[in-house]
C-alpha atoms as a PDB file:
ATOM      1  CA  MET A   1     -18.249 -16.328  -8.855  1.00  0.00           C
ATOM      2  CA  THR A   2     -17.686 -17.082  -5.373  1.00  0.00           C
ATOM      3  CA  LYS A   3     -16.251 -14.343  -3.122  1.00  0.00           C
ATOM      4  CA  PHE A   4     -14.027 -15.834  -0.449  1.00  0.00           C
ATOM      5  CA  PRO A   5     -13.082 -13.460   2.765  1.00  0.00           C
ATOM      6  CA  LEU A   6     -10.728 -11.273   2.739  1.00  0.00           C
ATOM      7  CA  GLY A   7      -7.750  -9.521   4.746  1.00  0.00           C
ATOM      8  CA  TYR A   8      -6.260  -5.931   3.827  1.00  0.00           C
ATOM      9  CA  VAL A   9      -3.362  -4.552   5.404  1.00  0.00           C
ATOM     10  CA  GLY A  10      -2.641  -0.875   3.975  1.00  0.00           C
ATOM     11  CA  VAL A  11      -6.132   1.080   3.464  1.00  0.00           C
ATOM     12  CA  GLY A  12      -4.651   4.046   1.705  1.00  0.00           C
ATOM     13  CA  LEU A  13      -3.720   5.789  -1.378  1.00  0.00           C
ATOM     14  CA  MET A  14      -4.377   2.842  -3.417  1.00  0.00           C
ATOM     15  CA  GLY A  15      -5.788   0.610  -0.601  1.00  0.00           C
ATOM     16  CA  GLY A  16      -8.469   2.797   0.324  1.00  0.00           C
ATOM     17  CA  PRO A  17     -10.340   2.770  -3.094  1.00  0.00           C
ATOM     18  CA  MET A  18      -9.624  -0.979  -3.687  1.00  0.00           C
ATOM     19  CA  VAL A  19     -11.434  -1.738  -0.397  1.00  0.00           C
ATOM     20  CA  LYS A  20     -14.547   0.237  -1.187  1.00  0.00           C
ATOM     21  CA  ARG A  21     -14.487  -1.084  -4.419  1.00  0.00           C
ATOM     22  CA  LEU A  22     -14.462  -4.287  -3.054  1.00  0.00           C
ATOM     23  CA  ARG A  23     -17.259  -3.996  -0.503  1.00  0.00           C
ATOM     24  CA  SER A  24     -19.354  -2.239  -3.075  1.00  0.00           C
ATOM     25  CA  LEU A  25     -19.095  -5.762  -5.208  1.00  0.00           C
ATOM     26  CA  GLY A  26     -20.211  -7.885  -2.124  1.00  0.00           C
ATOM     27  CA  TRP A  27     -16.826  -8.960  -0.813  1.00  0.00           C
ATOM     28  CA  SER A  28     -16.300  -8.920   2.648  1.00  0.00           C
ATOM     29  CA  VAL A  29     -13.300  -7.279   3.751  1.00  0.00           C
ATOM     30  CA  ARG A  30     -11.350  -6.783   7.104  1.00  0.00           C
ATOM     31  CA  GLY A  31      -9.190  -3.726   6.722  1.00  0.00           C
ATOM     32  CA  TYR A  32      -6.406  -2.355   8.603  1.00  0.00           C
ATOM     33  CA  ASP A  33      -4.200   0.680   8.187  1.00  0.00           C
ATOM     34  CA  ILE A  34      -1.216   1.719  10.587  1.00  0.00           C
ATOM     35  CA  VAL A  35      -3.331   5.452  10.418  1.00  0.00           C
ATOM     36  CA  SER A  36      -5.771   4.560  13.051  1.00  0.00           C
ATOM     37  CA  GLU A  37      -8.600   6.924  11.605  1.00  0.00           C
ATOM     38  CA  ARG A  38      -8.607   4.350   8.158  1.00  0.00           C
ATOM     39  CA  SER A  39      -9.687   1.033  10.218  1.00  0.00           C
ATOM     40  CA  THR A  40     -11.570  -0.562  13.088  1.00  0.00           C
ATOM     41  CA  LEU A  41      -8.548  -3.223  13.485  1.00  0.00           C
ATOM     42  CA  SER A  42      -5.815  -3.126  15.992  1.00  0.00           C
ATOM     43  CA  SER A  43      -3.014  -4.590  14.317  1.00  0.00           C
ATOM     44  CA  ALA A  44      -1.902  -6.054  10.986  1.00  0.00           C
ATOM     45  CA  GLY A  45      -2.263  -9.632  12.681  1.00  0.00           C
ATOM     46  CA  ASP A  46      -6.080  -9.029  13.092  1.00  0.00           C
ATOM     47  CA  ALA A  47      -6.933  -8.357   9.291  1.00  0.00           C
ATOM     48  CA  ALA A  48      -6.378 -12.281   9.060  1.00  0.00           C
ATOM     49  CA  GLN A  49      -8.982 -13.127  11.347  1.00  0.00           C
ATOM     50  CA  GLY A  50     -11.548 -15.267   9.211  1.00  0.00           C
ATOM     51  CA  ALA A  51      -9.879 -14.460   5.752  1.00  0.00           C
ATOM     52  CA  GLU A  52      -9.250 -17.147   2.840  1.00  0.00           C
ATOM     53  CA  VAL A  53      -6.968 -14.483   1.190  1.00  0.00           C
ATOM     54  CA  VAL A  54      -5.068 -11.845   2.790  1.00  0.00           C
ATOM     55  CA  LEU A  55      -3.987  -8.841   0.706  1.00  0.00           C
ATOM     56  CA  LEU A  56      -1.381  -6.567   1.141  1.00  0.00           C
ATOM     57  CA  ASN A  57      -0.914  -2.626  -0.113  1.00  0.00           C
ATOM     58  CA  LEU A  58       2.134  -1.074   1.645  1.00  0.00           C
ATOM     59  CA  PRO A  59       4.509   1.482   0.129  1.00  0.00           C
ATOM     60  CA  THR A  60       7.652   0.254   1.229  1.00  0.00           C
ATOM     61  CA  ASN A  61       9.763  -2.565   1.937  1.00  0.00           C
ATOM     62  CA  ASP A  62      10.075  -1.861   5.760  1.00  0.00           C
ATOM     63  CA  ALA A  63       6.026  -1.408   5.935  1.00  0.00           C
ATOM     64  CA  VAL A  64       5.872  -5.026   4.541  1.00  0.00           C
ATOM     65  CA  GLU A  65       8.374  -6.399   7.061  1.00  0.00           C
ATOM     66  CA  ASP A  66       6.654  -4.796  10.067  1.00  0.00           C
ATOM     67  CA  ALA A  67       2.976  -5.952   8.507  1.00  0.00           C
ATOM     68  CA  VAL A  68       4.128  -9.328   8.054  1.00  0.00           C
ATOM     69  CA  PHE A  69       6.952 -10.249  10.653  1.00  0.00           C
ATOM     70  CA  GLY A  70       6.345  -7.530  13.405  1.00  0.00           C
ATOM     71  CA  ALA A  71       5.254  -7.874  16.888  1.00  0.00           C
ATOM     72  CA  ARG A  72       1.518  -7.521  16.157  1.00  0.00           C
ATOM     73  CA  GLY A  73       2.394  -9.197  12.277  1.00  0.00           C
ATOM     74  CA  LEU A  74       0.753 -11.555  10.248  1.00  0.00           C
ATOM     75  CA  ILE A  75       3.171 -14.554  10.856  1.00  0.00           C
ATOM     76  CA  HIS A  76       1.662 -14.476  14.526  1.00  0.00           C
ATOM     77  CA  ARG A  77      -1.779 -15.619  12.898  1.00  0.00           C
ATOM     78  CA  LEU A  78      -1.489 -16.730   9.414  1.00  0.00           C
ATOM     79  CA  GLN A  79      -1.991 -20.412   9.043  1.00  0.00           C
ATOM     80  CA  LYS A  80      -1.299 -23.308   5.960  1.00  0.00           C
ATOM     81  CA  HIS A  81      -5.183 -22.912   4.058  1.00  0.00           C
ATOM     82  CA  GLN A  82      -4.582 -18.764   4.002  1.00  0.00           C
ATOM     83  CA  LEU A  83      -2.962 -17.092   0.773  1.00  0.00           C
ATOM     84  CA  LEU A  84      -1.086 -13.892   1.248  1.00  0.00           C
ATOM     85  CA  VAL A  85      -0.984 -11.558  -1.852  1.00  0.00           C
ATOM     86  CA  ASP A  86       1.719  -8.728  -1.884  1.00  0.00           C
ATOM     87  CA  PHE A  87       0.377  -5.640  -4.204  1.00  0.00           C
ATOM     88  CA  SER A  88       3.343  -3.753  -2.782  1.00  0.00           C
ATOM     89  CA  THR A  89       6.700  -2.827  -4.711  1.00  0.00           C
ATOM     90  CA  ILE A  90       9.522  -4.229  -3.098  1.00  0.00           C
ATOM     91  CA  PRO A  91      13.015  -5.362  -4.075  1.00  0.00           C
ATOM     92  CA  VAL A  92      12.904  -8.766  -5.958  1.00  0.00           C
ATOM     93  CA  ASP A  93      14.960 -10.412  -3.414  1.00  0.00           C
ATOM     94  CA  ALA A  94      13.488  -9.394  -0.657  1.00  0.00           C
ATOM     95  CA  CYS A  95       9.960 -10.817  -1.578  1.00  0.00           C
ATOM     96  CA  ARG A  96      11.371 -14.183  -2.106  1.00  0.00           C
ATOM     97  CA  SER A  97      13.242 -14.235   1.266  1.00  0.00           C
ATOM     98  CA  HIS A  98       9.852 -13.140   2.907  1.00  0.00           C
ATOM     99  CA  ALA A  99       7.737 -15.630   1.446  1.00  0.00           C
ATOM    100  CA  GLN A 100      10.540 -18.335   2.620  1.00  0.00           C
ATOM    101  CA  LYS A 101      10.197 -17.153   5.730  1.00  0.00           C
ATOM    102  CA  LEU A 102       6.963 -16.671   5.944  1.00  0.00           C
ATOM    103  CA  ALA A 103       5.950 -20.358   4.738  1.00  0.00           C
ATOM    104  CA  ALA A 104       8.394 -21.792   7.280  1.00  0.00           C
ATOM    105  CA  ALA A 105       6.791 -20.525   9.827  1.00  0.00           C
ATOM    106  CA  THR A 106       2.983 -21.128   8.992  1.00  0.00           C
ATOM    107  CA  GLY A 107       3.143 -22.762   5.783  1.00  0.00           C
ATOM    108  CA  CYS A 108       1.448 -19.687   4.062  1.00  0.00           C
ATOM    109  CA  ARG A 109       2.270 -19.110   0.751  1.00  0.00           C
ATOM    110  CA  TRP A 110       3.047 -15.900  -1.067  1.00  0.00           C
ATOM    111  CA  VAL A 111       1.809 -14.421  -4.453  1.00  0.00           C
ATOM    112  CA  ASP A 112       4.101 -11.211  -5.772  1.00  0.00           C
ATOM    113  CA  ALA A 113       1.516  -8.994  -7.306  1.00  0.00           C
ATOM    114  CA  PRO A 114       2.683  -5.421  -8.158  1.00  0.00           C
ATOM    115  CA  VAL A 115      -0.156  -3.241  -9.849  1.00  0.00           C
ATOM    116  CA  SER A 116       0.169  -0.175 -12.668  1.00  0.00           C
ATOM    117  CA  GLY A 117      -2.286   1.879 -13.340  1.00  0.00           C
ATOM    118  CA  GLY A 118      -3.242   4.407  -9.967  1.00  0.00           C
ATOM    119  CA  PRO A 119      -5.697   4.937  -8.322  1.00  0.00           C
ATOM    120  CA  PRO A 120      -8.116   5.734 -11.293  1.00  0.00           C
ATOM    121  CA  ALA A 121      -7.301   2.495 -12.234  1.00  0.00           C
ATOM    122  CA  VAL A 122      -8.390   0.906  -8.554  1.00  0.00           C
ATOM    123  CA  GLU A 123     -12.314   2.745  -8.710  1.00  0.00           C
ATOM    124  CA  ALA A 124     -12.362   1.204 -12.149  1.00  0.00           C
ATOM    125  CA  GLY A 125     -11.637  -1.611 -11.831  1.00  0.00           C
ATOM    126  CA  THR A 126      -9.049  -1.940 -14.476  1.00  0.00           C
ATOM    127  CA  LEU A 127      -5.401  -2.362 -12.453  1.00  0.00           C
ATOM    128  CA  THR A 128      -2.427  -3.910 -14.355  1.00  0.00           C
ATOM    129  CA  VAL A 129      -1.518  -6.686 -12.096  1.00  0.00           C
ATOM    130  CA  MET A 130       1.856  -8.432 -12.707  1.00  0.00           C
ATOM    131  CA  ALA A 131       1.779 -11.658 -10.838  1.00  0.00           C
ATOM    132  CA  GLY A 132       4.442 -14.122  -9.430  1.00  0.00           C
ATOM    133  CA  GLY A 133       3.626 -17.151  -7.673  1.00  0.00           C
ATOM    134  CA  GLU A 134       1.972 -20.923  -8.240  1.00  0.00           C
ATOM    135  CA  GLU A 135      -0.228 -21.993 -10.783  1.00  0.00           C
ATOM    136  CA  GLN A 136      -2.893 -23.103  -8.436  1.00  0.00           C
ATOM    137  CA  ASP A 137      -2.475 -19.756  -6.625  1.00  0.00           C
ATOM    138  CA  LEU A 138      -3.641 -17.484  -9.243  1.00  0.00           C
ATOM    139  CA  ALA A 139      -6.755 -19.758 -10.601  1.00  0.00           C
ATOM    140  CA  ARG A 140      -7.700 -19.844  -6.808  1.00  0.00           C
ATOM    141  CA  LEU A 141      -6.961 -15.848  -7.031  1.00  0.00           C
ATOM    142  CA  ALA A 142      -9.314 -15.274 -10.472  1.00  0.00           C
ATOM    143  CA  PRO A 143     -12.658 -14.308  -9.264  1.00  0.00           C
ATOM    144  CA  LEU A 144     -10.987 -11.120  -6.798  1.00  0.00           C
ATOM    145  CA  MET A 145      -8.776 -10.520 -10.041  1.00  0.00           C
ATOM    146  CA  ARG A 146     -11.583 -10.043 -12.234  1.00  0.00           C
ATOM    147  CA  ASP A 147     -13.126  -7.621  -9.739  1.00  0.00           C
ATOM    148  CA  ILE A 148     -10.065  -5.618  -9.597  1.00  0.00           C
ATOM    149  CA  ALA A 149      -7.895  -5.837 -12.550  1.00  0.00           C
ATOM    150  CA  GLY A 150      -7.760  -5.104 -16.786  1.00  0.00           C
ATOM    151  CA  ARG A 151      -5.283  -7.578 -17.166  1.00  0.00           C
ATOM    152  CA  CYS A 152      -3.612  -9.902 -14.685  1.00  0.00           C
ATOM    153  CA  THR A 153      -0.809 -11.685 -15.931  1.00  0.00           C
ATOM    154  CA  ARG A 154       1.431 -14.448 -14.224  1.00  0.00           C
ATOM    155  CA  MET A 155       4.723 -13.915 -15.447  1.00  0.00           C
ATOM    156  CA  GLY A 156       6.007 -16.775 -13.238  1.00  0.00           C
ATOM    157  CA  PRO A 157       6.996 -18.114 -10.058  1.00  0.00           C
ATOM    158  CA  LEU A 158       7.254 -15.785  -6.876  1.00  0.00           C
ATOM    159  CA  GLY A 159       9.087 -12.765  -7.836  1.00  0.00           C
ATOM    160  CA  ALA A 160       8.348 -12.744 -11.310  1.00  0.00           C
ATOM    161  CA  GLY A 161       5.743  -9.826 -10.844  1.00  0.00           C
ATOM    162  CA  LEU A 162       7.784  -7.785  -9.119  1.00  0.00           C
ATOM    163  CA  ALA A 163      10.433  -8.521 -11.979  1.00  0.00           C
ATOM    164  CA  ALA A 164       7.876  -7.415 -14.199  1.00  0.00           C
ATOM    165  CA  LYS A 165       7.243  -4.064 -12.293  1.00  0.00           C
ATOM    166  CA  MET A 166      10.925  -3.073 -12.504  1.00  0.00           C
ATOM    167  CA  ILE A 167      10.548  -2.938 -16.459  1.00  0.00           C
ATOM    168  CA  ASN A 168       7.486  -1.299 -15.878  1.00  0.00           C
ATOM    169  CA  GLN A 169       8.771   1.159 -13.138  1.00  0.00           C
ATOM    170  CA  LEU A 170      11.508   2.028 -15.560  1.00  0.00           C
ATOM    171  CA  ILE A 171       9.345   2.790 -18.878  1.00  0.00           C
ATOM    172  CA  VAL A 172       7.018   5.001 -16.465  1.00  0.00           C
ATOM    173  CA  GLY A 173       9.938   6.468 -14.980  1.00  0.00           C
ATOM    174  CA  VAL A 174      12.160   7.518 -17.962  1.00  0.00           C
ATOM    175  CA  GLY A 175       8.826   8.132 -20.084  1.00  0.00           C
ATOM    176  CA  MET A 176       7.621  10.894 -17.585  1.00  0.00           C
ATOM    177  CA  ALA A 177      11.340  12.444 -17.870  1.00  0.00           C
ATOM    178  CA  MET A 178      11.484  12.253 -21.353  1.00  0.00           C
ATOM    179  CA  LEU A 179       7.426  14.602 -21.816  1.00  0.00           C
ATOM    180  CA  ALA A 180       8.756  17.058 -19.239  1.00  0.00           C
ATOM    181  CA  GLU A 181      11.918  17.302 -21.622  1.00  0.00           C
ATOM    182  CA  ALA A 182       9.727  17.309 -24.772  1.00  0.00           C
ATOM    183  CA  LEU A 183       7.213  20.111 -23.384  1.00  0.00           C
ATOM    184  CA  GLY A 184      10.355  22.065 -22.522  1.00  0.00           C
ATOM    185  CA  LEU A 185      11.020  22.068 -26.308  1.00  0.00           C
ATOM    186  CA  CYS A 186       7.358  22.535 -27.273  1.00  0.00           C
ATOM    187  CA  GLU A 187       7.450  26.197 -25.270  1.00  0.00           C
ATOM    188  CA  LYS A 188      10.669  27.031 -26.503  1.00  0.00           C
ATOM    189  CA  ALA A 189       9.514  26.383 -30.418  1.00  0.00           C
ATOM    190  CA  GLY A 190       6.502  28.648 -29.404  1.00  0.00           C
ATOM    191  CA  ILE A 191       4.163  25.557 -30.298  1.00  0.00           C
ATOM    192  CA  ASP A 192       0.669  24.665 -28.860  1.00  0.00           C
ATOM    193  CA  ALA A 193       2.023  22.316 -26.135  1.00  0.00           C
ATOM    194  CA  ALA A 194      -1.828  21.311 -25.503  1.00  0.00           C
ATOM    195  CA  ARG A 195      -2.557  19.525 -28.699  1.00  0.00           C
ATOM    196  CA  ILE A 196       0.149  17.326 -28.862  1.00  0.00           C
ATOM    197  CA  PRO A 197      -1.573  14.456 -27.128  1.00  0.00           C
ATOM    198  CA  GLU A 198      -4.113  15.210 -30.317  1.00  0.00           C
ATOM    199  CA  CYS A 199      -1.479  15.424 -32.843  1.00  0.00           C
ATOM    200  CA  LEU A 200       0.353  12.065 -31.894  1.00  0.00           C
ATOM    201  CA  GLY A 201      -2.880  10.346 -30.874  1.00  0.00           C
ATOM    202  CA  GLY A 202      -2.211   6.718 -32.713  1.00  0.00           C
ATOM    203  CA  GLY A 203       1.633   7.752 -33.781  1.00  0.00           C
ATOM    204  CA  TYR A 204       3.830   5.514 -32.519  1.00  0.00           C
ATOM    205  CA  ALA A 205       4.522   8.093 -29.938  1.00  0.00           C
ATOM    206  CA  ASP A 206       1.160   7.875 -28.463  1.00  0.00           C
ATOM    207  CA  SER A 207       0.649   6.321 -25.078  1.00  0.00           C
ATOM    208  CA  ASN A 208      -1.193   6.186 -22.060  1.00  0.00           C
ATOM    209  CA  VAL A 209       1.702   8.107 -20.086  1.00  0.00           C
ATOM    210  CA  LEU A 210       1.414  10.647 -22.878  1.00  0.00           C
ATOM    211  CA  LYS A 211      -2.637  10.650 -22.362  1.00  0.00           C
ATOM    212  CA  GLY A 212      -2.562  10.597 -18.643  1.00  0.00           C
ATOM    213  CA  TYR A 213       0.582  12.962 -17.743  1.00  0.00           C
ATOM    214  CA  TRP A 214       1.274  15.721 -20.564  1.00  0.00           C
ATOM    215  CA  PRO A 215      -1.922  17.417 -19.977  1.00  0.00           C
ATOM    216  CA  ARG A 216      -1.159  18.013 -15.989  1.00  0.00           C
ATOM    217  CA  MET A 217       2.986  19.002 -17.019  1.00  0.00           C
ATOM    218  CA  VAL A 218       0.888  21.475 -19.638  1.00  0.00           C
ATOM    219  CA  GLU A 219      -1.441  22.844 -16.726  1.00  0.00           C
ATOM    220  CA  ARG A 220       1.052  22.662 -13.830  1.00  0.00           C
ATOM    221  CA  ASP A 221      -1.349  20.663 -12.472  1.00  0.00           C
ATOM    222  CA  PHE A 222       1.264  18.610  -9.870  1.00  0.00           C
ATOM    223  CA  ALA A 223      -1.458  18.156  -7.216  1.00  0.00           C
ATOM    224  CA  PRO A 224      -0.333  14.834  -5.758  1.00  0.00           C
ATOM    225  CA  ARG A 225      -1.893  11.573  -7.481  1.00  0.00           C
ATOM    226  CA  GLY A 226       1.173   9.807  -6.731  1.00  0.00           C
ATOM    227  CA  TYR A 227       4.440  11.103  -4.917  1.00  0.00           C
ATOM    228  CA  VAL A 228       7.848  12.458  -6.398  1.00  0.00           C
ATOM    229  CA  ARG A 229       9.528  10.459  -3.335  1.00  0.00           C
ATOM    230  CA  GLN A 230       7.331   7.020  -4.064  1.00  0.00           C
ATOM    231  CA  LEU A 231       8.591   7.067  -7.420  1.00  0.00           C
ATOM    232  CA  LEU A 232      12.325   8.079  -6.298  1.00  0.00           C
ATOM    233  CA  GLU A 233      12.260   5.637  -4.658  1.00  0.00           C
ATOM    234  CA  ASP A 234      11.054   3.050  -7.221  1.00  0.00           C
ATOM    235  CA  LEU A 235      13.552   4.252  -9.926  1.00  0.00           C
ATOM    236  CA  GLU A 236      16.264   3.599  -7.140  1.00  0.00           C
ATOM    237  CA  MET A 237      14.844  -0.378  -6.853  1.00  0.00           C
ATOM    238  CA  VAL A 238      15.210  -1.107 -10.261  1.00  0.00           C
ATOM    239  CA  ASP A 239      18.636   1.008 -10.673  1.00  0.00           C
ATOM    240  CA  ALA A 240      19.684  -1.704  -7.971  1.00  0.00           C
ATOM    241  CA  TRP A 241      17.861  -4.870  -9.475  1.00  0.00           C
ATOM    242  CA  ALA A 242      19.243  -3.703 -12.989  1.00  0.00           C
ATOM    243  CA  LYS A 243      22.828  -3.211 -11.612  1.00  0.00           C
ATOM    244  CA  GLY A 244      22.458  -6.884  -9.717  1.00  0.00           C
ATOM    245  CA  LEU A 245      21.507  -8.350 -13.749  1.00  0.00           C
ATOM    246  CA  GLY A 246      24.700  -6.191 -14.689  1.00  0.00           C
ATOM    247  CA  GLY A 247      22.108  -4.275 -17.181  1.00  0.00           C
ATOM    248  CA  ARG A 248      22.693  -1.155 -19.233  1.00  0.00           C
ATOM    249  CA  THR A 249      20.059   1.792 -18.013  1.00  0.00           C
ATOM    250  CA  PRO A 250      21.495   5.314 -19.304  1.00  0.00           C
ATOM    251  CA  ALA A 251      18.360   6.596 -19.762  1.00  0.00           C
ATOM    252  CA  LEU A 252      17.469   5.487 -16.109  1.00  0.00           C
ATOM    253  CA  GLN A 253      20.437   7.343 -14.757  1.00  0.00           C
ATOM    254  CA  ALA A 254      18.784  10.564 -16.512  1.00  0.00           C
ATOM    255  CA  ALA A 255      15.490   9.805 -15.079  1.00  0.00           C
ATOM    256  CA  LEU A 256      17.126   9.680 -11.587  1.00  0.00           C
ATOM    257  CA  ASP A 257      19.004  12.854 -11.478  1.00  0.00           C
ATOM    258  CA  ALA A 258      16.116  14.468 -12.758  1.00  0.00           C
ATOM    259  CA  TYR A 259      14.139  13.037  -9.904  1.00  0.00           C
ATOM    260  CA  ARG A 260      16.539  13.505  -7.526  1.00  0.00           C
ATOM    261  CA  GLU A 261      16.894  16.816  -8.459  1.00  0.00           C
ATOM    262  CA  LEU A 262      13.245  17.452  -7.309  1.00  0.00           C
ATOM    263  CA  LYS A 263      14.061  16.075  -4.258  1.00  0.00           C
ATOM    264  CA  LYS A 264      16.459  18.262  -3.512  1.00  0.00           C
ATOM    265  CA  ARG A 265      14.281  21.549  -4.005  1.00  0.00           C
ATOM    266  CA  GLY A 266      11.791  19.781  -1.695  1.00  0.00           C
ATOM    267  CA  ASP A 267       9.210  18.762  -4.381  1.00  0.00           C
ATOM    268  CA  SER A 268       8.759  15.206  -2.734  1.00  0.00           C
ATOM    269  CA  GLU A 269       5.353  14.928  -1.903  1.00  0.00           C
ATOM    270  CA  LEU A 270       4.597  16.866  -5.683  1.00  0.00           C
ATOM    271  CA  ASP A 271       2.850  14.305  -8.487  1.00  0.00           C
ATOM    272  CA  THR A 272       5.550  12.533 -10.283  1.00  0.00           C
ATOM    273  CA  ALA A 273       4.393  14.968 -13.242  1.00  0.00           C
ATOM    274  CA  ALA A 274       6.013  17.945 -11.248  1.00  0.00           C
ATOM    275  CA  VAL A 275       9.191  16.880 -13.154  1.00  0.00           C
ATOM    276  CA  ALA A 276       8.327  19.305 -15.525  1.00  0.00           C
ATOM    277  CA  LYS A 277       9.227  22.022 -13.253  1.00  0.00           C
ATOM    278  CA  LEU A 278      12.543  21.381 -14.502  1.00  0.00           C
ATOM    279  CA  TYR A 279      12.324  22.340 -17.966  1.00  0.00           C
ATOM    280  CA  LEU A 280       9.584  24.414 -17.573  1.00  0.00           C
ATOM    281  CA  SER A 281       9.497  28.536 -17.808  1.00  0.00           C
ATOM    282  CA  GLY A 282       7.723  30.409 -14.701  1.00  0.00           C
ATOM    283  CA  ARG A 283       8.739  27.261 -12.798  1.00  0.00           C
END
């Protein structure tokens, strides 16, 4: 299996452990982060030097724009033979616009490859990757994806991966709000909420969201593995995307109301499981 040199921009919550994993598997990675303590490079553009593929893992579209098109961004260093892969979750239309602008300036192509699974899946190499781009580019990335993902699915042309991520965030965001509501009812009914995952295991209500988040909600463990603010931003993005399509999203609106309430309470830096605070006694 060929391991080609990589550049990496954004070595924080997700990117940091991914770079660590890649290096442990023998990949050569030049990493840059806006937080200087996380990297030895001086700019995003420096990450492209000597790389065959440059990976982005950034929290917002503004951060992506700055990393790619800023004064010391990748646009000034990327060349036609290189490939840019963006793991970030950004608006579908923004992705397509960025890719067109980058290709016009450099000839470098773009793959949107948002991920699901969080830091634990990064460390285990079991991320779910939803990809959009040219078939030949996904074929080129296959050795990389085998080392970081349990599943990588090409959903179609550029932007299709992000469209799939919108669906993912809709299901996850609404699902967490529903779990919180159900947990509140468990407490009011006086049943042992901690046994619900065991009780429902293997049935239609079973899911990775139930297994991963219910125990945290029961224990009031809201230490951040992901952030309320980040999920709220994603759900706002899903809402705008859905409105652009003319879709009906009443369940999404309820989840948005819940996460907006958390933000008003000052809980933006807590884990997304903190939505349970809206329903639990002694919160």
